[in-house]
PDB file of N, CA and C in Angstrom:
ATOM      1  N   MET A   1       5.347  99.515   1.274  1.00  0.00           N
ATOM      2  CA  MET A   1       6.532 100.210   1.718  1.00  0.00           C
ATOM      3  C   MET A   1       7.600 100.114   0.626  1.00  0.00           C
ATOM      4  N   THR A   2       8.281 101.180   0.379  1.00  0.00           N
ATOM      5  CA  THR A   2       9.268 101.240  -0.689  1.00  0.00           C
ATOM      6  C   THR A   2      10.645 100.848  -0.172  1.00  0.00           C
ATOM      7  N   SER A   3      11.321 100.025  -0.918  1.00  0.00           N
ATOM      8  CA  SER A   3      12.692  99.652  -0.584  1.00  0.00           C
ATOM      9  C   SER A   3      13.627 100.769  -1.011  1.00  0.00           C
ATOM     10  N   LYS A   4      14.587 101.106  -0.172  1.00  0.00           N
ATOM     11  CA  LYS A   4      15.558 102.148  -0.504  1.00  0.00           C
ATOM     12  C   LYS A   4      16.396 101.755  -1.718  1.00  0.00           C
ATOM     13  N   HIS A   5      16.470 100.455  -2.030  1.00  0.00           N
ATOM     14  CA  HIS A   5      17.263 100.000  -3.170  1.00  0.00           C
ATOM     15  C   HIS A   5      16.621 100.376  -4.502  1.00  0.00           C
ATOM     16  N   HIS A   6      15.330 100.651  -4.500  1.00  0.00           N
ATOM     17  CA  HIS A   6      14.627 100.979  -5.729  1.00  0.00           C
ATOM     18  C   HIS A   6      14.246 102.447  -5.818  1.00  0.00           C
ATOM     19  N   SER A   7      14.691 103.241  -4.885  1.00  0.00           N
ATOM     20  CA  SER A   7      14.414 104.675  -4.920  1.00  0.00           C
ATOM     21  C   SER A   7      15.730 105.430  -5.045  1.00  0.00           C
ATOM     22  N   PHE A   8      15.656 106.603  -5.667  1.00  0.00           N
ATOM     23  CA  PHE A   8      16.853 107.384  -5.965  1.00  0.00           C
ATOM     24  C   PHE A   8      16.447 108.827  -6.192  1.00  0.00           C
ATOM     25  N   PRO A   9      17.399 109.757  -6.203  1.00  0.00           N
ATOM     26  CA  PRO A   9      17.073 111.172  -6.404  1.00  0.00           C
ATOM     27  C   PRO A   9      16.552 111.449  -7.819  1.00  0.00           C
ATOM     28  N   LEU A  10      15.627 112.367  -7.909  1.00  0.00           N
ATOM     29  CA  LEU A  10      15.092 112.793  -9.203  1.00  0.00           C
ATOM     30  C   LEU A  10      16.208 113.292 -10.113  1.00  0.00           C
ATOM     31  N   SER A  11      17.240 113.856  -9.551  1.00  0.00           N
ATOM     32  CA  SER A  11      18.361 114.376 -10.344  1.00  0.00           C
ATOM     33  C   SER A  11      19.083 113.279 -11.127  1.00  0.00           C
ATOM     34  N   ASN A  12      18.879 112.011 -10.760  1.00  0.00           N
ATOM     35  CA  ASN A  12      19.532 110.885 -11.440  1.00  0.00           C
ATOM     36  C   ASN A  12      18.660 110.221 -12.502  1.00  0.00           C
ATOM     37  N   VAL A  13      17.447 110.717 -12.705  1.00  0.00           N
ATOM     38  CA  VAL A  13      16.500 110.065 -13.613  1.00  0.00           C
ATOM     39  C   VAL A  13      16.773 110.452 -15.061  1.00  0.00           C
ATOM     40  N   LYS A  14      16.719 109.461 -15.947  1.00  0.00           N
ATOM     41  CA  LYS A  14      16.935 109.703 -17.371  1.00  0.00           C
ATOM     42  C   LYS A  14      15.719 110.367 -18.001  1.00  0.00           C
ATOM     43  N   GLU A  15      15.966 111.141 -19.041  1.00  0.00           N
ATOM     44  CA  GLU A  15      14.896 111.805 -19.783  1.00  0.00           C
ATOM     45  C   GLU A  15      13.914 110.770 -20.321  1.00  0.00           C
ATOM     46  N   GLY A  16      12.621 111.112 -20.265  1.00  0.00           N
ATOM     47  CA  GLY A  16      11.576 110.230 -20.758  1.00  0.00           C
ATOM     48  C   GLY A  16      11.052 109.247 -19.726  1.00  0.00           C
ATOM     49  N   SER A  17      11.685 109.177 -18.562  1.00  0.00           N
ATOM     50  CA  SER A  17      11.257 108.240 -17.517  1.00  0.00           C
ATOM     51  C   SER A  17      10.068 108.800 -16.745  1.00  0.00           C
ATOM     52  N   ARG A  18       9.165 107.887 -16.344  1.00  0.00           N
ATOM     53  CA  ARG A  18       8.042 108.242 -15.469  1.00  0.00           C
ATOM     54  C   ARG A  18       8.359 107.705 -14.080  1.00  0.00           C
ATOM     55  N   VAL A  19       8.203 108.580 -13.094  1.00  0.00           N
ATOM     56  CA  VAL A  19       8.526 108.214 -11.716  1.00  0.00           C
ATOM     57  C   VAL A  19       7.453 108.717 -10.755  1.00  0.00           C
ATOM     58  N   ARG A  20       7.468 108.174  -9.546  1.00  0.00           N
ATOM     59  CA  ARG A  20       6.558 108.598  -8.481  1.00  0.00           C
ATOM     60  C   ARG A  20       7.405 109.120  -7.328  1.00  0.00           C
ATOM     61  N   VAL A  21       7.012 110.262  -6.784  1.00  0.00           N
ATOM     62  CA  VAL A  21       7.717 110.832  -5.634  1.00  0.00           C
ATOM     63  C   VAL A  21       7.450 109.951  -4.413  1.00  0.00           C
ATOM     64  N   VAL A  22       8.535 109.562  -3.745  1.00  0.00           N
ATOM     65  CA  VAL A  22       8.455 108.715  -2.559  1.00  0.00           C
ATOM     66  C   VAL A  22       8.671 109.541  -1.297  1.00  0.00           C
ATOM     67  N   GLU A  23       9.626 110.472  -1.370  1.00  0.00           N
ATOM     68  CA  GLU A  23      10.036 111.211  -0.174  1.00  0.00           C
ATOM     69  C   GLU A  23      10.717 112.507  -0.588  1.00  0.00           C
ATOM     70  N   ILE A  24      10.611 113.509   0.268  1.00  0.00           N
ATOM     71  CA  ILE A  24      11.344 114.760   0.079  1.00  0.00           C
ATOM     72  C   ILE A  24      12.292 114.873   1.269  1.00  0.00           C
ATOM     73  N   THR A  25      13.598 114.916   0.982  1.00  0.00           N
ATOM     74  CA  THR A  25      14.589 114.868   2.058  1.00  0.00           C
ATOM     75  C   THR A  25      15.053 116.243   2.519  1.00  0.00           C
ATOM     76  N   GLY A  26      14.512 117.297   1.945  1.00  0.00           N
ATOM     77  CA  GLY A  26      14.897 118.646   2.341  1.00  0.00           C
ATOM     78  C   GLY A  26      14.160 119.088   3.590  1.00  0.00           C
ATOM     79  N   GLY A  27      14.430 120.297   4.005  1.00  0.00           N
ATOM     80  CA  GLY A  27      13.794 120.864   5.187  1.00  0.00           C
ATOM     81  C   GLY A  27      12.375 121.331   4.927  1.00  0.00           C
ATOM     82  N   ARG A  28      11.819 122.003   5.925  1.00  0.00           N
ATOM     83  CA  ARG A  28      10.432 122.474   5.836  1.00  0.00           C
ATOM     84  C   ARG A  28      10.208 123.450   4.691  1.00  0.00           C
ATOM     85  N   GLY A  29      11.166 124.345   4.478  1.00  0.00           N
ATOM     86  CA  GLY A  29      11.021 125.330   3.402  1.00  0.00           C
ATOM     87  C   GLY A  29      10.921 124.678   2.039  1.00  0.00           C
ATOM     88  N   LEU A  30      11.797 123.732   1.773  1.00  0.00           N
ATOM     89  CA  LEU A  30      11.764 123.024   0.492  1.00  0.00           C
ATOM     90  C   LEU A  30      10.489 122.211   0.365  1.00  0.00           C
ATOM     91  N   THR A  31      10.126 121.509   1.418  1.00  0.00           N
ATOM     92  CA  THR A  31       8.909 120.698   1.390  1.00  0.00           C
ATOM     93  C   THR A  31       7.693 121.572   1.116  1.00  0.00           C
ATOM     94  N   ARG A  32       7.611 122.720   1.777  1.00  0.00           N
ATOM     95  CA  ARG A  32       6.490 123.640   1.574  1.00  0.00           C
ATOM     96  C   ARG A  32       6.468 124.154   0.137  1.00  0.00           C
ATOM     97  N   ARG A  33       7.610 124.550  -0.377  1.00  0.00           N
ATOM     98  CA  ARG A  33       7.697 125.062  -1.754  1.00  0.00           C
ATOM     99  C   ARG A  33       7.247 124.004  -2.758  1.00  0.00           C
ATOM    100  N   LEU A  34       7.705 122.783  -2.587  1.00  0.00           N
ATOM    101  CA  LEU A  34       7.312 121.713  -3.502  1.00  0.00           C
ATOM    102  C   LEU A  34       5.820 121.416  -3.404  1.00  0.00           C
ATOM    103  N   MET A  35       5.275 121.446  -2.196  1.00  0.00           N
ATOM    104  CA  MET A  35       3.837 121.230  -2.031  1.00  0.00           C
ATOM    105  C   MET A  35       3.044 122.330  -2.716  1.00  0.00           C
ATOM    106  N   GLU A  36       3.536 123.572  -2.643  1.00  0.00           N
ATOM    107  CA  GLU A  36       2.856 124.699  -3.292  1.00  0.00           C
ATOM    108  C   GLU A  36       2.765 124.515  -4.802  1.00  0.00           C
ATOM    109  N   ILE A  37       3.768 123.873  -5.386  1.00  0.00           N
ATOM    110  CA  ILE A  37       3.728 123.673  -6.840  1.00  0.00           C
ATOM    111  C   ILE A  37       3.178 122.296  -7.217  1.00  0.00           C
ATOM    112  N   GLY A  38       2.727 121.534  -6.224  1.00  0.00           N
ATOM    113  CA  GLY A  38       2.054 120.268  -6.498  1.00  0.00           C
ATOM    114  C   GLY A  38       2.930 119.038  -6.538  1.00  0.00           C
ATOM    115  N   ILE A  39       4.122 119.122  -5.981  1.00  0.00           N
ATOM    116  CA  ILE A  39       5.011 117.961  -5.939  1.00  0.00           C
ATOM    117  C   ILE A  39       5.086 117.478  -4.498  1.00  0.00           C
ATOM    118  N   LEU A  40       4.487 116.311  -4.241  1.00  0.00           N
ATOM    119  CA  LEU A  40       4.481 115.734  -2.915  1.00  0.00           C
ATOM    120  C   LEU A  40       4.511 114.217  -3.044  1.00  0.00           C
ATOM    121  N   PRO A  41       4.794 113.500  -1.969  1.00  0.00           N
ATOM    122  CA  PRO A  41       4.829 112.046  -2.070  1.00  0.00           C
ATOM    123  C   PRO A  41       3.553 111.500  -2.714  1.00  0.00           C
ATOM    124  N   GLY A  42       3.745 110.587  -3.663  1.00  0.00           N
ATOM    125  CA  GLY A  42       2.632 110.004  -4.410  1.00  0.00           C
ATOM    126  C   GLY A  42       2.432 110.623  -5.779  1.00  0.00           C
ATOM    127  N   THR A  43       2.990 111.810  -6.009  1.00  0.00           N
ATOM    128  CA  THR A  43       2.848 112.490  -7.295  1.00  0.00           C
ATOM    129  C   THR A  43       3.649 111.759  -8.365  1.00  0.00           C
ATOM    130  N   GLU A  44       3.004 111.483  -9.507  1.00  0.00           N
ATOM    131  CA  GLU A  44       3.700 110.874 -10.640  1.00  0.00           C
ATOM    132  C   GLU A  44       4.122 111.968 -11.605  1.00  0.00           C
ATOM    133  N   ILE A  45       5.365 111.899 -12.062  1.00  0.00           N
ATOM    134  CA  ILE A  45       5.903 112.904 -12.971  1.00  0.00           C
ATOM    135  C   ILE A  45       6.723 112.237 -14.065  1.00  0.00           C
ATOM    136  N   GLU A  46       6.900 112.963 -15.145  1.00  0.00           N
ATOM    137  CA  GLU A  46       7.759 112.520 -16.240  1.00  0.00           C
ATOM    138  C   GLU A  46       8.930 113.486 -16.351  1.00  0.00           C
ATOM    139  N   VAL A  47      10.125 112.952 -16.521  1.00  0.00           N
ATOM    140  CA  VAL A  47      11.307 113.788 -16.708  1.00  0.00           C
ATOM    141  C   VAL A  47      11.418 114.104 -18.198  1.00  0.00           C
ATOM    142  N   VAL A  48      11.252 115.378 -18.529  1.00  0.00           N
ATOM    143  CA  VAL A  48      11.319 115.828 -19.919  1.00  0.00           C
ATOM    144  C   VAL A  48      12.766 116.060 -20.321  1.00  0.00           C
ATOM    145  N   LYS A  49      13.526 116.708 -19.447  1.00  0.00           N
ATOM    146  CA  LYS A  49      14.922 117.046 -19.740  1.00  0.00           C
ATOM    147  C   LYS A  49      15.707 116.995 -18.441  1.00  0.00           C
ATOM    148  N   ASN A  50      16.878 116.391 -18.481  1.00  0.00           N
ATOM    149  CA  ASN A  50      17.754 116.362 -17.320  1.00  0.00           C
ATOM    150  C   ASN A  50      19.118 116.862 -17.765  1.00  0.00           C
ATOM    151  N   ASN A  51      19.405 118.103 -17.434  1.00  0.00           N
ATOM    152  CA  ASN A  51      20.656 118.751 -17.827  1.00  0.00           C
ATOM    153  C   ASN A  51      21.718 118.568 -16.755  1.00  0.00           C
ATOM    154  N   PHE A  52      22.015 117.328 -16.404  1.00  0.00           N
ATOM    155  CA  PHE A  52      22.982 117.039 -15.345  1.00  0.00           C
ATOM    156  C   PHE A  52      24.271 117.803 -15.578  1.00  0.00           C
ATOM    157  N   PRO A  53      24.787 118.523 -14.618  1.00  0.00           N
ATOM    158  CA  PRO A  53      24.280 118.762 -13.273  1.00  0.00           C
ATOM    159  C   PRO A  53      23.469 120.052 -13.179  1.00  0.00           C
ATOM    160  N   GLY A  54      22.680 120.330 -14.165  1.00  0.00           N
ATOM    161  CA  GLY A  54      21.874 121.545 -14.189  1.00  0.00           C
ATOM    162  C   GLY A  54      20.415 121.265 -13.896  1.00  0.00           C
ATOM    163  N   PRO A  55      19.539 122.154 -14.362  1.00  0.00           N
ATOM    164  CA  PRO A  55      18.112 122.030 -14.070  1.00  0.00           C
ATOM    165  C   PRO A  55      17.472 120.781 -14.670  1.00  0.00           C
ATOM    166  N   VAL A  56      16.365 120.372 -14.055  1.00  0.00           N
ATOM    167  CA  VAL A  56      15.582 119.227 -14.507  1.00  0.00           C
ATOM    168  C   VAL A  56      14.195 119.749 -14.874  1.00  0.00           C
ATOM    169  N   ILE A  57      13.720 119.413 -16.062  1.00  0.00           N
ATOM    170  CA  ILE A  57      12.373 119.801 -16.482  1.00  0.00           C
ATOM    171  C   ILE A  57      11.477 118.586 -16.317  1.00  0.00           C
ATOM    172  N   ILE A  58      10.390 118.779 -15.559  1.00  0.00           N
ATOM    173  CA  ILE A  58       9.444 117.695 -15.306  1.00  0.00           C
ATOM    174  C   ILE A  58       8.051 118.144 -15.708  1.00  0.00           C
ATOM    175  N   LYS A  59       7.142 117.161 -15.877  1.00  0.00           N
ATOM    176  CA  LYS A  59       5.753 117.509 -16.178  1.00  0.00           C
ATOM    177  C   LYS A  59       4.823 116.422 -15.679  1.00  0.00           C
ATOM    178  N   ASN A  60       3.577 116.832 -15.473  1.00  0.00           N
ATOM    179  CA  ASN A  60       2.468 115.908 -15.274  1.00  0.00           C
ATOM    180  C   ASN A  60       1.185 116.657 -15.595  1.00  0.00           C
ATOM    181  N   GLU A  61       0.059 115.967 -15.518  1.00  0.00           N
ATOM    182  CA  GLU A  61      -1.214 116.571 -15.918  1.00  0.00           C
ATOM    183  C   GLU A  61      -1.625 117.723 -15.012  1.00  0.00           C
ATOM    184  N   THR A  62      -1.257 117.675 -13.747  1.00  0.00           N
ATOM    185  CA  THR A  62      -1.669 118.693 -12.781  1.00  0.00           C
ATOM    186  C   THR A  62      -0.792 119.935 -12.822  1.00  0.00           C
ATOM    187  N   ILE A  63       0.525 119.749 -12.810  1.00  0.00           N
ATOM    188  CA  ILE A  63       1.429 120.902 -12.728  1.00  0.00           C
ATOM    189  C   ILE A  63       1.889 121.408 -14.083  1.00  0.00           C
ATOM    190  N   GLY A  64       1.625 120.658 -15.143  1.00  0.00           N
ATOM    191  CA  GLY A  64       2.148 121.035 -16.459  1.00  0.00           C
ATOM    192  C   GLY A  64       3.646 120.807 -16.467  1.00  0.00           C
ATOM    193  N   SER A  65       4.389 121.645 -17.178  1.00  0.00           N
ATOM    194  CA  SER A  65       5.855 121.535 -17.225  1.00  0.00           C
ATOM    195  C   SER A  65       6.472 122.556 -16.284  1.00  0.00           C
ATOM    196  N   ILE A  66       7.509 122.143 -15.587  1.00  0.00           N
ATOM    197  CA  ILE A  66       8.186 123.031 -14.653  1.00  0.00           C
ATOM    198  C   ILE A  66       9.671 122.667 -14.614  1.00  0.00           C
ATOM    199  N   CYS A  67      10.486 123.675 -14.432  1.00  0.00           N
ATOM    200  CA  CYS A  67      11.934 123.495 -14.348  1.00  0.00           C
ATOM    201  C   CYS A  67      12.348 123.669 -12.887  1.00  0.00           C
ATOM    202  N   ILE A  68      13.080 122.698 -12.366  1.00  0.00           N
ATOM    203  CA  ILE A  68      13.578 122.812 -10.998  1.00  0.00           C
ATOM    204  C   ILE A  68      15.094 122.649 -11.006  1.00  0.00           C
ATOM    205  N   GLY A  69      15.738 123.264 -10.056  1.00  0.00           N
ATOM    206  CA  GLY A  69      17.192 123.218  -9.972  1.00  0.00           C
ATOM    207  C   GLY A  69      17.712 121.846  -9.575  1.00  0.00           C
ATOM    208  N   TYR A  70      18.968 121.601  -9.898  1.00  0.00           N
ATOM    209  CA  TYR A  70      19.611 120.322  -9.596  1.00  0.00           C
ATOM    210  C   TYR A  70      19.595 120.031  -8.097  1.00  0.00           C
ATOM    211  N   GLY A  71      19.877 121.041  -7.278  1.00  0.00           N
ATOM    212  CA  GLY A  71      19.893 120.842  -5.827  1.00  0.00           C
ATOM    213  C   GLY A  71      18.541 120.407  -5.299  1.00  0.00           C
ATOM    214  N   MET A  72      17.482 121.041  -5.790  1.00  0.00           N
ATOM    215  CA  MET A  72      16.132 120.682  -5.381  1.00  0.00           C
ATOM    216  C   MET A  72      15.806 119.269  -5.868  1.00  0.00           C
ATOM    217  N   ALA A  73      16.145 118.974  -7.122  1.00  0.00           N
ATOM    218  CA  ALA A  73      15.865 117.649  -7.693  1.00  0.00           C
ATOM    219  C   ALA A  73      16.592 116.549  -6.927  1.00  0.00           C
ATOM    220  N   SER A  74      17.757 116.864  -6.387  1.00  0.00           N
ATOM    221  CA  SER A  74      18.522 115.846  -5.657  1.00  0.00           C
ATOM    222  C   SER A  74      17.901 115.514  -4.303  1.00  0.00           C
ATOM    223  N   LYS A  75      16.973 116.338  -3.839  1.00  0.00           N
ATOM    224  CA  LYS A  75      16.306 116.105  -2.557  1.00  0.00           C
ATOM    225  C   LYS A  75      14.928 115.472  -2.721  1.00  0.00           C
ATOM    226  N   ILE A  76      14.521 115.227  -3.972  1.00  0.00           N
ATOM    227  CA  ILE A  76      13.245 114.570  -4.262  1.00  0.00           C
ATOM    228  C   ILE A  76      13.557 113.111  -4.584  1.00  0.00           C
ATOM    229  N   ILE A  77      13.148 112.214  -3.697  1.00  0.00           N
ATOM    230  CA  ILE A  77      13.431 110.790  -3.868  1.00  0.00           C
ATOM    231  C   ILE A  77      12.241 110.153  -4.590  1.00  0.00           C
ATOM    232  N   VAL A  78      12.550 109.403  -5.651  1.00  0.00           N
ATOM    233  CA  VAL A  78      11.510 108.842  -6.513  1.00  0.00           C
ATOM    234  C   VAL A  78      11.741 107.352  -6.743  1.00  0.00           C
ATOM    235  N   GLU A  79      10.712 106.712  -7.310  1.00  0.00           N
ATOM    236  CA  GLU A  79      10.812 105.327  -7.766  1.00  0.00           C
ATOM    237  C   GLU A  79      10.196 105.253  -9.152  1.00  0.00           C
ATOM    238  N   VAL A  80      10.649 104.307  -9.955  1.00  0.00           N
ATOM    239  CA  VAL A  80      10.123 104.140 -11.308  1.00  0.00           C
ATOM    240  C   VAL A  80       8.698 103.621 -11.220  1.00  0.00           C
ATOM    241  N   VAL A  81       7.817 104.166 -12.075  1.00  0.00           N
ATOM    242  CA  VAL A  81       6.413 103.742 -12.106  1.00  0.00           C
ATOM    243  C   VAL A  81       6.295 102.522 -12.992  1.00  0.00           C
TER     244      VAL A  81
END
């Protein structure tokens, strides 16, 4: 079980960090959209670029590189791997 003290929004992650998705705090539409692109709890990703408060570029072996908006990134709760 993950402690809330060690998890935080993807929008707060520094470039070059590897993290694991713990939870998606958005509604069904956001959760469905993220699942469609391969981002779900347990997925490990690397933050390539974080243009706070703009888009976040992430990548992993399955999804490749993808750019997501700041609002979406703020609803993806992660922990450091």
